[in-house]
Amino acid sequence: MMSKPKVVKDYDKLDVEVQEQIKLQYPYGFDRYLVTFKNAEGKFVSALPFETEERHFLIRMTQQKAQDIINEDDDYDDDGILKVEIKEEYEEKFSDDDIEDDMDDLPDESDDDDPDYD
């Protein structure tokens, strides 16, 4: 079994879809979920852990940056909570049903007509 690649990245450099998935996982903000680790230079860095099916992310941010992101994001209300309508929109967008529907479009892997198929 292959392990997922680990990616350390700044929040503002992430794809919008990854940012939306992060908001779903952390609807009450990020600051209380930060972890600390040593980077390649041996310096301590704080980051928000997040995992997708493809990758493990550590999203670099300080506690202040985590609070600023939420305060400046219109998807969150004045109390720093993801707005209900936004949460529902993202849940619909990233629902497992959509993933299953996408899987229905894939070719049947049991088809032995492909000589390269093992």
N, C-alpha and C. Protein backbone atom coordinates (compact mmCIF):
# COMPACT_ATOMS: atom_id res chain seq x y z
N MET A 1 0.84 -1.19 0.00
CA MET A 1 0.00 0.00 0.00
C MET A 1 0.88 1.25 0.00
N MET A 2 0.63 2.15 -0.91
CA MET A 2 1.40 3.39 -0.97
C MET A 2 0.86 4.40 0.01
N SER A 3 1.78 5.13 0.63
CA SER A 3 1.33 6.18 1.54
C SER A 3 1.07 7.45 0.73
N LYS A 4 0.24 8.29 1.28
CA LYS A 4 -0.12 9.54 0.61
C LYS A 4 1.04 10.51 0.71
N PRO A 5 1.25 11.32 -0.33
CA PRO A 5 2.28 12.35 -0.22
C PRO A 5 1.90 13.39 0.83
N LYS A 6 2.91 13.89 1.50
CA LYS A 6 2.70 14.94 2.50
C LYS A 6 3.06 16.27 1.87
N VAL A 7 2.17 17.24 2.01
CA VAL A 7 2.34 18.54 1.38
C VAL A 7 2.25 19.62 2.45
N VAL A 8 3.26 20.49 2.49
CA VAL A 8 3.24 21.64 3.37
C VAL A 8 3.04 22.86 2.47
N LYS A 9 1.99 23.62 2.74
CA LYS A 9 1.63 24.71 1.84
C LYS A 9 0.94 25.82 2.61
N ASP A 10 1.00 27.03 2.09
CA ASP A 10 0.27 28.16 2.66
C ASP A 10 -1.19 28.09 2.21
N TYR A 11 -2.09 28.53 3.08
CA TYR A 11 -3.53 28.47 2.80
C TYR A 11 -3.88 29.18 1.49
N ASP A 12 -3.33 30.37 1.29
CA ASP A 12 -3.69 31.15 0.10
C ASP A 12 -3.13 30.57 -1.20
N LYS A 13 -2.28 29.56 -1.12
CA LYS A 13 -1.75 28.92 -2.33
C LYS A 13 -2.48 27.62 -2.66
N LEU A 14 -3.46 27.26 -1.84
CA LEU A 14 -4.25 26.05 -2.08
C LEU A 14 -5.31 26.30 -3.14
N ASP A 15 -5.69 25.25 -3.86
CA ASP A 15 -6.82 25.36 -4.78
C ASP A 15 -8.08 25.72 -4.00
N VAL A 16 -8.97 26.45 -4.63
CA VAL A 16 -10.21 26.87 -3.98
C VAL A 16 -11.00 25.66 -3.48
N GLU A 17 -11.04 24.59 -4.24
CA GLU A 17 -11.80 23.41 -3.81
C GLU A 17 -11.22 22.81 -2.53
N VAL A 18 -9.90 22.82 -2.39
CA VAL A 18 -9.29 22.32 -1.16
C VAL A 18 -9.63 23.25 -0.01
N GLN A 19 -9.61 24.56 -0.25
CA GLN A 19 -10.00 25.51 0.80
C GLN A 19 -11.44 25.26 1.24
N GLU A 20 -12.32 24.99 0.30
CA GLU A 20 -13.73 24.72 0.64
C GLU A 20 -13.86 23.45 1.48
N GLN A 21 -13.10 22.43 1.14
CA GLN A 21 -13.14 21.19 1.92
C GLN A 21 -12.60 21.41 3.33
N ILE A 22 -11.60 22.25 3.45
CA ILE A 22 -11.04 22.59 4.76
C ILE A 22 -12.11 23.30 5.60
N LYS A 23 -12.85 24.20 4.99
CA LYS A 23 -13.92 24.90 5.71
C LYS A 23 -14.97 23.92 6.22
N LEU A 24 -15.27 22.91 5.43
CA LEU A 24 -16.24 21.89 5.88
C LEU A 24 -15.70 21.12 7.08
N GLN A 25 -14.42 20.81 7.06
CA GLN A 25 -13.85 20.05 8.17
C GLN A 25 -13.68 20.92 9.42
N TYR A 26 -13.47 22.22 9.22
CA TYR A 26 -13.24 23.13 10.34
C TYR A 26 -14.25 24.28 10.29
N PRO A 27 -15.54 24.00 10.50
CA PRO A 27 -16.56 25.04 10.37
C PRO A 27 -16.52 26.10 11.48
N TYR A 28 -15.77 25.84 12.55
CA TYR A 28 -15.68 26.80 13.66
C TYR A 28 -14.34 27.51 13.70
N GLY A 29 -13.62 27.47 12.60
CA GLY A 29 -12.33 28.14 12.54
C GLY A 29 -11.18 27.17 12.68
N PHE A 30 -9.97 27.70 12.53
CA PHE A 30 -8.78 26.87 12.45
C PHE A 30 -7.87 26.94 13.67
N ASP A 31 -7.88 28.07 14.38
CA ASP A 31 -6.82 28.35 15.35
C ASP A 31 -6.66 27.30 16.45
N ARG A 32 -7.73 26.68 16.88
CA ARG A 32 -7.60 25.69 17.97
C ARG A 32 -7.14 24.33 17.48
N TYR A 33 -6.99 24.16 16.18
CA TYR A 33 -6.59 22.87 15.61
C TYR A 33 -5.16 22.86 15.08
N LEU A 34 -4.45 23.94 15.28
CA LEU A 34 -3.08 24.03 14.77
C LEU A 34 -2.16 23.07 15.51
N VAL A 35 -1.21 22.51 14.77
CA VAL A 35 -0.18 21.65 15.35
C VAL A 35 1.17 22.31 15.09
N THR A 36 2.18 21.91 15.83
CA THR A 36 3.51 22.46 15.65
C THR A 36 4.45 21.34 15.21
N PHE A 37 5.34 21.67 14.26
CA PHE A 37 6.32 20.70 13.77
C PHE A 37 7.60 21.44 13.40
N LYS A 38 8.68 20.68 13.25
CA LYS A 38 9.95 21.26 12.80
C LYS A 38 10.02 21.17 11.29
N ASN A 39 10.35 22.28 10.66
CA ASN A 39 10.48 22.27 9.20
C ASN A 39 11.88 21.80 8.81
N ALA A 40 12.19 21.83 7.52
CA ALA A 40 13.47 21.34 7.01
C ALA A 40 14.66 22.10 7.58
N GLU A 41 14.46 23.36 7.96
CA GLU A 41 15.53 24.17 8.54
C GLU A 41 15.64 24.00 10.05
N GLY A 42 14.80 23.13 10.63
CA GLY A 42 14.84 22.89 12.06
C GLY A 42 14.08 23.92 12.89
N LYS A 43 13.31 24.78 12.23
CA LYS A 43 12.51 25.78 12.93
C LYS A 43 11.11 25.23 13.20
N PHE A 44 10.56 25.65 14.33
CA PHE A 44 9.20 25.23 14.65
C PHE A 44 8.21 26.06 13.84
N VAL A 45 7.24 25.38 13.26
CA VAL A 45 6.23 25.99 12.42
C VAL A 45 4.87 25.48 12.87
N SER A 46 3.86 26.34 12.85
CA SER A 46 2.50 25.87 13.17
C SER A 46 1.73 25.69 11.87
N ALA A 47 0.84 24.71 11.87
CA ALA A 47 0.09 24.40 10.66
C ALA A 47 -1.22 23.71 11.02
N LEU A 48 -2.13 23.77 10.08
CA LEU A 48 -3.43 23.12 10.20
C LEU A 48 -3.36 21.79 9.45
N PRO A 49 -3.59 20.66 10.13
CA PRO A 49 -3.60 19.38 9.41
C PRO A 49 -4.89 19.20 8.62
N PHE A 50 -4.76 18.64 7.44
CA PHE A 50 -5.93 18.36 6.61
C PHE A 50 -5.58 17.22 5.67
N GLU A 51 -6.52 16.32 5.49
CA GLU A 51 -6.27 15.14 4.66
C GLU A 51 -7.35 15.00 3.59
N THR A 52 -6.92 14.74 2.37
CA THR A 52 -7.83 14.39 1.28
C THR A 52 -7.57 12.93 0.93
N GLU A 53 -8.29 12.42 -0.03
CA GLU A 53 -8.05 11.05 -0.46
C GLU A 53 -6.67 10.89 -1.08
N GLU A 54 -6.12 11.98 -1.63
CA GLU A 54 -4.85 11.92 -2.33
C GLU A 54 -3.65 12.37 -1.51
N ARG A 55 -3.85 13.26 -0.51
CA ARG A 55 -2.71 13.89 0.17
C ARG A 55 -2.98 14.15 1.65
N HIS A 56 -1.87 14.25 2.39
CA HIS A 56 -1.88 14.78 3.75
C HIS A 56 -1.33 16.20 3.65
N PHE A 57 -2.10 17.18 4.09
CA PHE A 57 -1.64 18.56 4.06
C PHE A 57 -1.29 19.04 5.46
N LEU A 58 -0.27 19.86 5.55
CA LEU A 58 -0.01 20.70 6.70
C LEU A 58 -0.03 22.11 6.14
N ILE A 59 -1.03 22.87 6.50
CA ILE A 59 -1.23 24.20 5.95
C ILE A 59 -0.63 25.21 6.92
N ARG A 60 0.50 25.80 6.50
CA ARG A 60 1.23 26.71 7.37
C ARG A 60 0.40 27.93 7.71
N MET A 61 0.31 28.20 9.02
CA MET A 61 -0.32 29.42 9.48
C MET A 61 -0.05 29.60 10.97
N THR A 62 0.08 30.84 11.36
CA THR A 62 0.18 31.15 12.78
C THR A 62 -1.23 31.22 13.35
N GLN A 63 -1.32 31.28 14.65
CA GLN A 63 -2.64 31.42 15.27
C GLN A 63 -3.31 32.72 14.81
N GLN A 64 -2.53 33.80 14.71
CA GLN A 64 -3.08 35.08 14.26
C GLN A 64 -3.55 34.98 12.81
N LYS A 65 -2.77 34.33 11.95
CA LYS A 65 -3.15 34.16 10.55
C LYS A 65 -4.43 33.33 10.45
N ALA A 66 -4.54 32.29 11.28
CA ALA A 66 -5.75 31.45 11.28
C ALA A 66 -6.98 32.29 11.62
N GLN A 67 -6.85 33.17 12.60
CA GLN A 67 -7.96 34.04 12.99
C GLN A 67 -8.26 35.07 11.89
N ASP A 68 -7.21 35.61 11.27
CA ASP A 68 -7.40 36.59 10.20
C ASP A 68 -8.12 35.99 9.00
N ILE A 69 -7.74 34.76 8.64
CA ILE A 69 -8.39 34.10 7.49
C ILE A 69 -9.90 34.02 7.73
N ILE A 70 -10.30 33.59 8.92
CA ILE A 70 -11.72 33.45 9.23
C ILE A 70 -12.41 34.82 9.28
N ASN A 71 -11.77 35.80 9.91
CA ASN A 71 -12.36 37.14 10.01
C ASN A 71 -12.56 37.80 8.66
N GLU A 72 -11.69 37.50 7.71
CA GLU A 72 -11.76 38.14 6.39
C GLU A 72 -12.57 37.34 5.37
N ASP A 73 -12.98 36.14 5.73
CA ASP A 73 -13.69 35.26 4.79
C ASP A 73 -15.20 35.45 4.94
N ASP A 74 -15.85 35.82 3.85
CA ASP A 74 -17.30 36.05 3.86
C ASP A 74 -18.11 34.77 4.07
N ASP A 75 -17.47 33.60 3.96
CA ASP A 75 -18.16 32.33 4.20
C ASP A 75 -18.43 32.11 5.69
N TYR A 76 -17.75 32.87 6.55
CA TYR A 76 -17.92 32.76 8.00
C TYR A 76 -18.69 33.96 8.52
N ASP A 77 -19.51 33.72 9.55
CA ASP A 77 -20.27 34.81 10.15
C ASP A 77 -19.40 35.60 11.12
N ASP A 78 -19.99 36.60 11.78
CA ASP A 78 -19.25 37.47 12.69
C ASP A 78 -18.69 36.72 13.90
N ASP A 79 -19.26 35.54 14.20
CA ASP A 79 -18.78 34.73 15.32
C ASP A 79 -17.72 33.72 14.89
N GLY A 80 -17.33 33.76 13.62
CA GLY A 80 -16.30 32.84 13.13
C GLY A 80 -16.81 31.45 12.85
N ILE A 81 -18.10 31.34 12.55
CA ILE A 81 -18.72 30.04 12.26
C ILE A 81 -19.14 30.02 10.79
N LEU A 82 -18.85 28.90 10.13
CA LEU A 82 -19.22 28.76 8.72
C LEU A 82 -20.72 28.93 8.58
N LYS A 83 -21.15 29.81 7.67
CA LYS A 83 -22.57 30.07 7.48
C LYS A 83 -23.29 28.81 7.01
N VAL A 84 -24.49 28.61 7.50
CA VAL A 84 -25.26 27.40 7.22
C VAL A 84 -25.44 27.19 5.72
N GLU A 85 -25.80 28.23 4.99
CA GLU A 85 -26.03 28.07 3.55
C GLU A 85 -24.75 27.71 2.81
N ILE A 86 -23.61 28.21 3.26
CA ILE A 86 -22.32 27.89 2.65
C ILE A 86 -21.97 26.44 2.97
N LYS A 87 -22.18 26.04 4.22
CA LYS A 87 -21.90 24.66 4.64
C LYS A 87 -22.72 23.69 3.80
N GLU A 88 -24.00 23.98 3.63
CA GLU A 88 -24.86 23.11 2.84
C GLU A 88 -24.41 23.05 1.38
N GLU A 89 -24.02 24.19 0.84
CA GLU A 89 -23.54 24.25 -0.54
C GLU A 89 -22.29 23.37 -0.72
N TYR A 90 -21.34 23.49 0.20
CA TYR A 90 -20.11 22.71 0.11
C TYR A 90 -20.38 21.22 0.37
N GLU A 91 -21.28 20.92 1.29
CA GLU A 91 -21.63 19.52 1.54
C GLU A 91 -22.21 18.88 0.29
N GLU A 92 -23.06 19.62 -0.40
CA GLU A 92 -23.65 19.13 -1.64
C GLU A 92 -22.57 18.95 -2.70
N LYS A 93 -21.70 19.92 -2.80
CA LYS A 93 -20.63 19.90 -3.80
C LYS A 93 -19.69 18.72 -3.60
N PHE A 94 -19.38 18.41 -2.34
CA PHE A 94 -18.40 17.36 -2.06
C PHE A 94 -19.03 16.10 -1.47
N SER A 95 -20.30 15.89 -1.74
CA SER A 95 -20.99 14.72 -1.18
C SER A 95 -20.43 13.43 -1.78
N ASP A 96 -20.51 12.36 -1.01
CA ASP A 96 -20.06 11.05 -1.47
C ASP A 96 -20.87 10.57 -2.66
N ASP A 97 -22.13 11.02 -2.76
CA ASP A 97 -22.97 10.62 -3.89
C ASP A 97 -22.36 11.08 -5.20
N ASP A 98 -21.79 12.29 -5.20
CA ASP A 98 -21.15 12.80 -6.41
C ASP A 98 -19.95 11.94 -6.77
N ILE A 99 -19.20 11.51 -5.77
CA ILE A 99 -18.04 10.66 -6.03
C ILE A 99 -18.51 9.33 -6.59
N GLU A 100 -19.57 8.76 -6.01
CA GLU A 100 -20.10 7.50 -6.52
C GLU A 100 -20.61 7.66 -7.94
N ASP A 101 -21.26 8.78 -8.24
CA ASP A 101 -21.74 9.03 -9.59
C ASP A 101 -20.57 9.09 -10.57
N ASP A 102 -19.48 9.72 -10.16
CA ASP A 102 -18.30 9.79 -11.01
C ASP A 102 -17.72 8.40 -11.23
N MET A 103 -17.79 7.54 -10.21
CA MET A 103 -17.28 6.18 -10.33
C MET A 103 -18.11 5.39 -11.33
N ASP A 104 -19.39 5.69 -11.46
CA ASP A 104 -20.25 4.98 -12.40
C ASP A 104 -19.80 5.22 -13.84
N ASP A 105 -19.12 6.32 -14.09
CA ASP A 105 -18.67 6.65 -15.43
C ASP A 105 -17.37 5.95 -15.82
N LEU A 106 -16.72 5.31 -14.85
CA LEU A 106 -15.46 4.64 -15.12
C LEU A 106 -15.72 3.31 -15.81
N PRO A 107 -14.76 2.85 -16.65
CA PRO A 107 -14.96 1.55 -17.30
C PRO A 107 -14.93 0.43 -16.28
N ASP A 108 -15.58 -0.65 -16.60
CA ASP A 108 -15.62 -1.82 -15.73
C ASP A 108 -14.24 -2.47 -15.73
N GLU A 109 -13.60 -2.52 -14.57
CA GLU A 109 -12.24 -3.06 -14.48
C GLU A 109 -12.20 -4.57 -14.66
N SER A 110 -13.32 -5.22 -14.61
CA SER A 110 -13.34 -6.67 -14.79
C SER A 110 -13.29 -7.06 -16.26
N ASP A 111 -13.27 -6.08 -17.15
CA ASP A 111 -13.24 -6.33 -18.59
C ASP A 111 -11.84 -6.82 -18.96
N ASP A 112 -11.73 -8.07 -19.42
CA ASP A 112 -10.44 -8.67 -19.73
C ASP A 112 -10.03 -8.43 -21.18
N ASP A 113 -10.71 -7.58 -21.92
CA ASP A 113 -10.36 -7.31 -23.30
C ASP A 113 -9.08 -6.50 -23.43
N ASP A 114 -8.66 -5.86 -22.37
CA ASP A 114 -7.45 -5.04 -22.39
C ASP A 114 -6.25 -5.94 -22.11
N PRO A 115 -5.31 -6.10 -23.06
CA PRO A 115 -4.18 -7.00 -22.85
C PRO A 115 -3.23 -6.50 -21.74
N ASP A 116 -3.25 -5.21 -21.42
CA ASP A 116 -2.37 -4.67 -20.37
C ASP A 116 -3.00 -4.77 -19.00
N TYR A 117 -4.24 -5.22 -18.93
CA TYR A 117 -4.94 -5.30 -17.65
C TYR A 117 -4.45 -6.50 -16.87
N ASP A 118 -4.04 -6.30 -15.62
CA ASP A 118 -3.61 -7.41 -14.77
C ASP A 118 -4.61 -7.63 -13.67
